[in-house]
N, C-alpha and C. Protein backbone atom coordinates (compact mmCIF):
# COMPACT_ATOMS: atom_id res chain seq x y z
N VAL A 1 -47.77 -26.43 27.54
CA VAL A 1 -46.66 -27.24 26.49
C VAL A 1 -46.40 -28.41 27.35
N GLN A 2 -46.28 -29.30 27.23
CA GLN A 2 -45.49 -30.12 28.43
C GLN A 2 -44.76 -31.23 27.57
N LEU A 3 -43.27 -31.46 28.53
CA LEU A 3 -42.09 -32.09 28.13
C LEU A 3 -41.76 -33.06 28.95
N GLN A 4 -41.59 -34.18 28.33
CA GLN A 4 -41.43 -35.57 28.71
C GLN A 4 -39.80 -35.89 28.28
N ALA A 5 -38.93 -36.13 29.01
CA ALA A 5 -37.44 -36.44 28.84
C ALA A 5 -37.36 -37.90 29.11
N SER A 6 -36.58 -38.02 28.40
CA SER A 6 -36.59 -39.95 28.72
C SER A 6 -34.72 -40.18 28.05
N GLY A 7 -34.38 -41.32 28.42
CA GLY A 7 -33.05 -42.02 27.81
C GLY A 7 -32.08 -41.46 28.89
N GLY A 8 -32.55 -41.38 30.25
CA GLY A 8 -31.08 -41.18 30.60
C GLY A 8 -30.69 -42.78 31.28
N GLY A 9 -29.57 -42.82 31.93
CA GLY A 9 -29.13 -43.62 32.50
C GLY A 9 -27.41 -43.80 32.75
N SER A 10 -27.51 -44.93 33.39
CA SER A 10 -25.82 -45.38 33.88
C SER A 10 -24.94 -45.52 32.84
N VAL A 11 -24.30 -44.91 32.67
CA VAL A 11 -23.01 -45.29 31.31
C VAL A 11 -21.73 -45.39 31.80
N GLN A 12 -20.83 -45.73 31.15
CA GLN A 12 -18.98 -45.42 31.36
C GLN A 12 -19.02 -44.63 30.42
N VAL A 13 -17.41 -44.13 31.15
CA VAL A 13 -16.35 -42.89 30.04
C VAL A 13 -16.14 -43.77 28.58
N GLY A 14 -16.63 -42.87 28.01
CA GLY A 14 -16.85 -43.45 26.75
C GLY A 14 -17.52 -43.88 25.73
N ASP A 15 -18.74 -44.30 26.59
CA ASP A 15 -20.02 -44.34 25.83
C ASP A 15 -20.84 -43.05 25.20
N SER A 16 -21.93 -44.08 24.10
CA SER A 16 -23.24 -42.90 24.05
C SER A 16 -24.50 -43.16 24.58
N LEU A 17 -25.34 -42.04 24.61
CA LEU A 17 -26.35 -41.94 25.24
C LEU A 17 -27.21 -41.19 24.50
N ARG A 18 -27.97 -41.85 23.86
CA ARG A 18 -29.45 -40.54 23.01
C ARG A 18 -30.66 -40.08 24.24
N LEU A 19 -30.70 -39.28 24.27
CA LEU A 19 -31.94 -38.80 24.90
C LEU A 19 -33.06 -38.06 24.00
N SER A 20 -34.09 -38.45 24.53
CA SER A 20 -35.13 -37.56 23.55
C SER A 20 -36.28 -37.05 25.05
N CYS A 21 -37.16 -36.13 23.78
CA CYS A 21 -37.69 -35.07 24.57
C CYS A 21 -38.63 -35.03 23.80
N ALA A 22 -39.84 -35.26 23.95
CA ALA A 22 -41.94 -35.52 23.58
C ALA A 22 -42.18 -34.01 24.55
N ALA A 23 -42.73 -33.34 23.21
CA ALA A 23 -43.71 -31.98 23.36
C ALA A 23 -45.10 -32.52 23.00
N SER A 24 -46.22 -31.91 23.98
CA SER A 24 -47.81 -31.95 23.98
C SER A 24 -47.97 -31.09 24.10
N GLY A 25 -49.24 -30.88 23.62
CA GLY A 25 -49.66 -29.06 24.07
C GLY A 25 -49.71 -28.37 23.46
N GLY A 26 -50.16 -27.09 24.00
CA GLY A 26 -49.50 -25.85 23.07
C GLY A 26 -50.15 -25.71 21.86
N THR A 27 -49.40 -25.05 20.57
CA THR A 27 -49.47 -24.72 19.63
C THR A 27 -49.30 -26.09 18.82
N SER A 28 -49.71 -26.23 17.09
CA SER A 28 -49.35 -26.64 16.49
C SER A 28 -48.10 -26.15 15.57
N ARG A 29 -47.59 -24.99 15.83
CA ARG A 29 -46.26 -24.05 15.44
C ARG A 29 -45.39 -24.69 16.04
N PRO A 30 -44.14 -25.29 15.93
CA PRO A 30 -42.63 -25.87 16.25
C PRO A 30 -42.34 -24.62 17.36
N TYR A 31 -41.54 -25.59 18.44
CA TYR A 31 -40.98 -24.34 18.90
C TYR A 31 -39.55 -24.62 19.26
N VAL A 32 -38.69 -23.31 19.44
CA VAL A 32 -37.26 -23.36 19.66
C VAL A 32 -37.23 -24.43 20.80
N MET A 33 -36.35 -25.52 20.40
CA MET A 33 -35.84 -26.43 21.63
C MET A 33 -34.24 -26.20 21.65
N ALA A 34 -34.03 -26.99 23.35
CA ALA A 34 -33.02 -26.97 24.12
C ALA A 34 -32.75 -28.46 24.64
N TRP A 35 -31.58 -27.83 24.97
CA TRP A 35 -31.37 -29.00 26.03
C TRP A 35 -30.15 -28.25 26.90
N PHE A 36 -30.36 -28.52 28.87
CA PHE A 36 -29.17 -27.99 29.69
C PHE A 36 -29.31 -29.14 30.38
N ARG A 37 -28.30 -28.59 31.03
CA ARG A 37 -28.01 -29.98 32.44
C ARG A 37 -27.41 -28.93 33.11
N GLN A 38 -28.18 -30.12 34.59
CA GLN A 38 -27.48 -29.15 36.65
C GLN A 38 -26.87 -30.28 36.74
N ALA A 39 -25.33 -30.23 36.92
CA ALA A 39 -24.94 -30.82 37.83
C ALA A 39 -25.39 -30.65 39.39
N PRO A 40 -24.51 -31.97 40.25
CA PRO A 40 -24.88 -31.70 41.78
C PRO A 40 -24.25 -29.99 41.96
N GLY A 41 -25.12 -29.16 42.96
CA GLY A 41 -24.59 -28.06 43.26
C GLY A 41 -23.97 -27.16 42.38
N LYS A 42 -24.67 -26.97 41.39
CA LYS A 42 -24.15 -26.55 40.26
C LYS A 42 -25.26 -25.72 39.32
N GLU A 43 -25.58 -24.67 38.77
CA GLU A 43 -26.42 -23.86 38.23
C GLU A 43 -26.73 -25.00 36.97
N ARG A 44 -27.75 -24.68 36.51
CA ARG A 44 -28.33 -24.98 35.41
C ARG A 44 -27.79 -24.50 33.94
N LYS A 45 -26.90 -25.40 33.20
CA LYS A 45 -26.02 -24.70 32.16
C LYS A 45 -26.71 -25.38 30.58
N PHE A 46 -26.77 -24.19 29.66
CA PHE A 46 -27.00 -24.32 28.34
C PHE A 46 -26.26 -25.38 27.70
N LEU A 47 -26.63 -26.17 26.85
CA LEU A 47 -25.74 -27.46 26.10
C LEU A 47 -26.01 -27.21 24.22
N ALA A 48 -27.36 -26.95 24.26
CA ALA A 48 -27.56 -26.92 22.82
C ALA A 48 -29.18 -26.55 22.21
N ARG A 49 -29.42 -25.75 21.54
CA ARG A 49 -30.16 -25.38 21.19
C ARG A 49 -30.74 -25.56 19.28
N ILE A 50 -32.22 -25.66 18.81
CA ILE A 50 -32.22 -25.92 17.24
C ILE A 50 -33.41 -25.35 17.32
N SER A 51 -33.53 -24.58 16.03
CA SER A 51 -34.55 -23.41 16.01
C SER A 51 -35.87 -24.51 15.42
N ARG A 52 -36.93 -24.12 14.58
CA ARG A 52 -38.42 -24.62 14.69
C ARG A 52 -37.67 -25.40 13.65
N ALA A 53 -37.08 -24.79 12.82
CA ALA A 53 -37.39 -25.81 11.33
C ALA A 53 -36.05 -26.97 11.55
N GLY A 54 -35.41 -26.30 12.35
CA GLY A 54 -34.07 -27.98 12.75
C GLY A 54 -33.06 -27.39 11.95
N THR A 55 -32.85 -26.18 11.16
CA THR A 55 -32.20 -25.91 10.61
C THR A 55 -30.49 -24.86 11.03
N ASN A 56 -31.15 -24.41 12.03
CA ASN A 56 -29.63 -23.75 13.07
C ASN A 56 -29.79 -24.82 14.25
N LYS A 57 -28.08 -25.09 14.51
CA LYS A 57 -28.18 -25.42 15.73
C LYS A 57 -26.97 -24.81 16.39
N TYR A 58 -27.33 -24.82 17.52
CA TYR A 58 -26.27 -24.21 18.14
C TYR A 58 -25.66 -24.80 19.21
N TYR A 59 -24.44 -25.01 19.85
CA TYR A 59 -24.27 -25.67 20.84
C TYR A 59 -22.85 -25.60 22.10
N ASP A 60 -22.75 -25.55 22.98
CA ASP A 60 -21.63 -24.83 24.38
C ASP A 60 -20.35 -25.76 23.68
N ASP A 61 -19.68 -24.80 23.77
CA ASP A 61 -18.24 -25.12 23.68
C ASP A 61 -18.07 -26.48 24.25
N SER A 62 -18.46 -27.05 25.43
CA SER A 62 -18.35 -28.25 26.09
C SER A 62 -18.65 -29.23 25.78
N VAL A 63 -19.62 -29.28 24.76
CA VAL A 63 -20.29 -30.55 24.33
C VAL A 63 -20.06 -30.23 22.74
N LYS A 64 -19.67 -29.78 22.48
CA LYS A 64 -19.28 -29.43 20.75
C LYS A 64 -18.37 -30.76 19.90
N GLY A 65 -19.10 -31.27 18.74
CA GLY A 65 -18.06 -32.18 18.53
C GLY A 65 -18.46 -33.34 19.20
N ARG A 66 -19.08 -33.41 20.39
CA ARG A 66 -19.52 -34.48 20.85
C ARG A 66 -21.47 -34.74 21.13
N PHE A 67 -22.38 -33.77 21.39
CA PHE A 67 -23.52 -34.02 21.01
C PHE A 67 -24.03 -33.56 19.68
N THR A 68 -25.32 -34.06 19.82
CA THR A 68 -25.61 -33.42 18.42
C THR A 68 -27.50 -33.71 18.75
N ILE A 69 -27.90 -32.03 18.40
CA ILE A 69 -29.10 -32.03 18.65
C ILE A 69 -29.82 -32.19 17.12
N SER A 70 -31.14 -33.09 17.25
CA SER A 70 -31.72 -33.03 15.83
C SER A 70 -33.43 -33.01 16.52
N ARG A 71 -34.47 -33.06 15.86
CA ARG A 71 -35.86 -32.49 15.79
C ARG A 71 -36.20 -33.30 14.96
N ASP A 72 -37.43 -34.10 15.29
CA ASP A 72 -38.57 -34.42 14.56
C ASP A 72 -40.23 -33.83 14.67
N ASN A 73 -40.27 -33.15 13.70
CA ASN A 73 -41.44 -32.11 14.16
C ASN A 73 -42.81 -33.07 13.88
N ALA A 74 -42.56 -33.91 13.14
CA ALA A 74 -43.67 -34.83 12.94
C ALA A 74 -44.34 -35.71 14.38
N LYS A 75 -43.31 -35.87 14.98
CA LYS A 75 -43.31 -36.09 15.64
C LYS A 75 -43.65 -34.97 17.52
N ASN A 76 -43.14 -33.92 17.43
CA ASN A 76 -43.12 -33.03 17.99
C ASN A 76 -41.87 -33.86 19.71
N ALA A 77 -40.85 -33.93 18.70
CA ALA A 77 -39.66 -34.77 19.31
C ALA A 77 -38.13 -33.93 19.13
N VAL A 78 -37.72 -33.67 20.03
CA VAL A 78 -36.08 -33.34 20.29
C VAL A 78 -35.26 -34.01 20.47
N THR A 79 -33.79 -34.89 19.72
CA THR A 79 -33.17 -35.62 20.54
C THR A 79 -31.54 -34.87 20.77
N LEU A 80 -31.05 -35.56 22.02
CA LEU A 80 -29.42 -34.94 22.00
C LEU A 80 -29.13 -36.23 22.08
N GLN A 81 -27.89 -36.56 20.78
CA GLN A 81 -27.22 -37.74 20.73
C GLN A 81 -25.87 -36.98 21.74
N MET A 82 -25.41 -38.06 22.20
CA MET A 82 -24.16 -38.10 23.26
C MET A 82 -23.35 -39.02 23.31
N ASN A 83 -22.33 -37.95 22.78
CA ASN A 83 -21.40 -39.22 22.36
C ASN A 83 -19.69 -39.11 22.98
N SER A 84 -18.82 -40.54 23.63
CA SER A 84 -17.49 -39.92 24.08
C SER A 84 -17.75 -39.51 25.49
N LEU A 85 -18.38 -39.65 26.52
CA LEU A 85 -19.33 -39.26 27.40
C LEU A 85 -17.92 -39.60 28.16
N VAL A 86 -17.94 -38.51 29.36
CA VAL A 86 -17.20 -38.29 30.18
C VAL A 86 -17.74 -37.85 31.82
N LEU A 87 -16.55 -37.86 32.60
CA LEU A 87 -17.13 -38.23 33.98
C LEU A 87 -18.31 -36.89 34.07
N GLU A 88 -17.82 -35.70 33.75
CA GLU A 88 -18.32 -34.11 34.06
C GLU A 88 -19.43 -34.12 33.37
N ASP A 89 -19.94 -34.83 32.42
CA ASP A 89 -21.38 -35.02 32.06
C ASP A 89 -22.42 -35.81 32.81
N THR A 90 -21.76 -36.32 33.64
CA THR A 90 -22.90 -36.42 34.79
C THR A 90 -23.44 -35.25 35.13
N ALA A 91 -24.79 -35.53 35.25
CA ALA A 91 -25.79 -34.45 35.35
C ALA A 91 -27.58 -34.72 35.33
N VAL A 92 -28.20 -34.51 35.62
CA VAL A 92 -29.58 -34.17 34.92
C VAL A 92 -29.95 -33.32 34.14
N TYR A 93 -30.35 -33.98 33.08
CA TYR A 93 -30.42 -33.35 31.53
C TYR A 93 -31.86 -33.05 31.60
N TYR A 94 -32.17 -31.54 31.18
CA TYR A 94 -33.56 -30.70 30.56
C TYR A 94 -33.53 -30.41 29.25
N CYS A 95 -34.70 -30.96 28.92
CA CYS A 95 -34.83 -30.07 27.66
C CYS A 95 -36.09 -28.71 27.92
N GLN A 96 -36.05 -28.28 27.19
CA GLN A 96 -36.50 -26.67 27.13
C GLN A 96 -37.35 -26.33 25.72
N ALA A 97 -38.35 -25.92 26.01
CA ALA A 97 -38.91 -25.21 24.70
C ALA A 97 -39.51 -23.87 24.60
N SER A 98 -39.49 -22.75 23.63
CA SER A 98 -39.37 -21.47 23.62
C SER A 98 -40.31 -20.95 23.05
N ALA A 99 -40.99 -20.04 23.08
CA ALA A 99 -41.10 -19.48 21.95
C ALA A 99 -41.66 -17.94 22.07
N ASP A 100 -41.98 -16.87 21.33
CA ASP A 100 -41.95 -15.79 21.12
C ASP A 100 -43.48 -15.20 20.69
N LEU A 101 -44.09 -14.80 21.46
CA LEU A 101 -45.31 -14.02 21.13
C LEU A 101 -45.65 -12.89 21.67
N LEU A 102 -46.26 -12.12 21.07
CA LEU A 102 -46.21 -10.82 20.79
C LEU A 102 -45.44 -10.04 22.03
N GLY A 103 -44.16 -10.27 21.82
CA GLY A 103 -43.01 -9.31 22.46
C GLY A 103 -42.27 -9.90 23.55
N ARG A 104 -43.04 -11.22 24.13
CA ARG A 104 -42.99 -11.67 24.83
C ARG A 104 -42.29 -13.04 24.59
N THR A 105 -41.29 -13.82 25.59
CA THR A 105 -40.74 -15.15 25.60
C THR A 105 -41.13 -16.07 26.38
N TYR A 106 -41.86 -17.21 25.74
CA TYR A 106 -42.61 -17.79 26.91
C TYR A 106 -41.65 -19.28 26.99
N VAL A 107 -41.20 -19.85 28.24
CA VAL A 107 -40.13 -20.88 27.83
C VAL A 107 -41.02 -22.09 29.30
N TRP A 108 -40.45 -23.33 28.87
CA TRP A 108 -41.12 -24.35 29.12
C TRP A 108 -40.09 -25.73 29.71
N TRP A 109 -40.09 -26.24 30.72
CA TRP A 109 -39.27 -27.36 31.16
C TRP A 109 -39.65 -28.65 30.81
N GLY A 110 -39.12 -29.70 30.84
CA GLY A 110 -39.47 -30.89 30.95
C GLY A 110 -38.81 -31.41 32.46
N GLN A 111 -39.30 -32.20 32.72
CA GLN A 111 -39.17 -32.61 34.43
C GLN A 111 -37.97 -33.53 34.81
N GLY A 112 -36.59 -34.00 33.56
CA GLY A 112 -35.52 -33.68 33.82
C GLY A 112 -35.18 -35.44 33.69
N THR A 113 -33.63 -35.98 33.29
CA THR A 113 -33.81 -37.09 33.03
C THR A 113 -31.99 -37.42 33.14
N GLN A 114 -31.51 -38.13 34.16
CA GLN A 114 -30.51 -38.24 35.23
C GLN A 114 -29.42 -39.06 34.04
N VAL A 115 -28.33 -38.90 33.89
CA VAL A 115 -27.21 -39.21 33.03
C VAL A 115 -25.93 -39.56 34.47
N THR A 116 -25.33 -40.49 34.28
CA THR A 116 -24.30 -41.01 35.29
C THR A 116 -23.41 -41.61 34.46
N VAL A 117 -22.35 -40.80 34.71
CA VAL A 117 -21.05 -41.10 33.70
C VAL A 117 -19.99 -41.67 34.84
N SER A 118 -19.65 -43.34 35.04
CA SER A 118 -18.90 -43.54 35.82
C SER A 118 -17.72 -44.29 35.24
N SER A 119 -16.73 -44.39 35.62
CA SER A 119 -15.26 -45.21 35.00
C SER A 119 -15.09 -46.64 35.38
C-alpha cells in the first residue's frame, strides 16, 4: 500500500487547513485510516482514526472539536480538516493505513506533510 499525503503548508493561528491522503495498491478492501503528527524533538502522536466504512471516528483530546477526519472509499482517500489552528499544531503530519489479516496487524505510512502555524 502506498500513501501520498498532501495539503500541508504555512498558515497563521486561527486558520484552517485540509490534509488529504490518497491510498493506492493493496487490496480493494478499505483500510482503517488514521492521522498522526510529529513535532520537532517529539514522538509521533496519534490524532484521529476512521473505520473502514467511515462510521466510527476517534480523536485525541488535543484535537477533538477542531479536527475532523473523513474518507471517500470510492477515491481511496482520507482527509483531515483542521480548524482553529494553534502554534502547537506545527508538525509533520502522517497518514496511516492498517489492516488485520490472519491474526496480524499490518501498518503502512505516508511520507508526511509539513504544517507550520505562526502567529
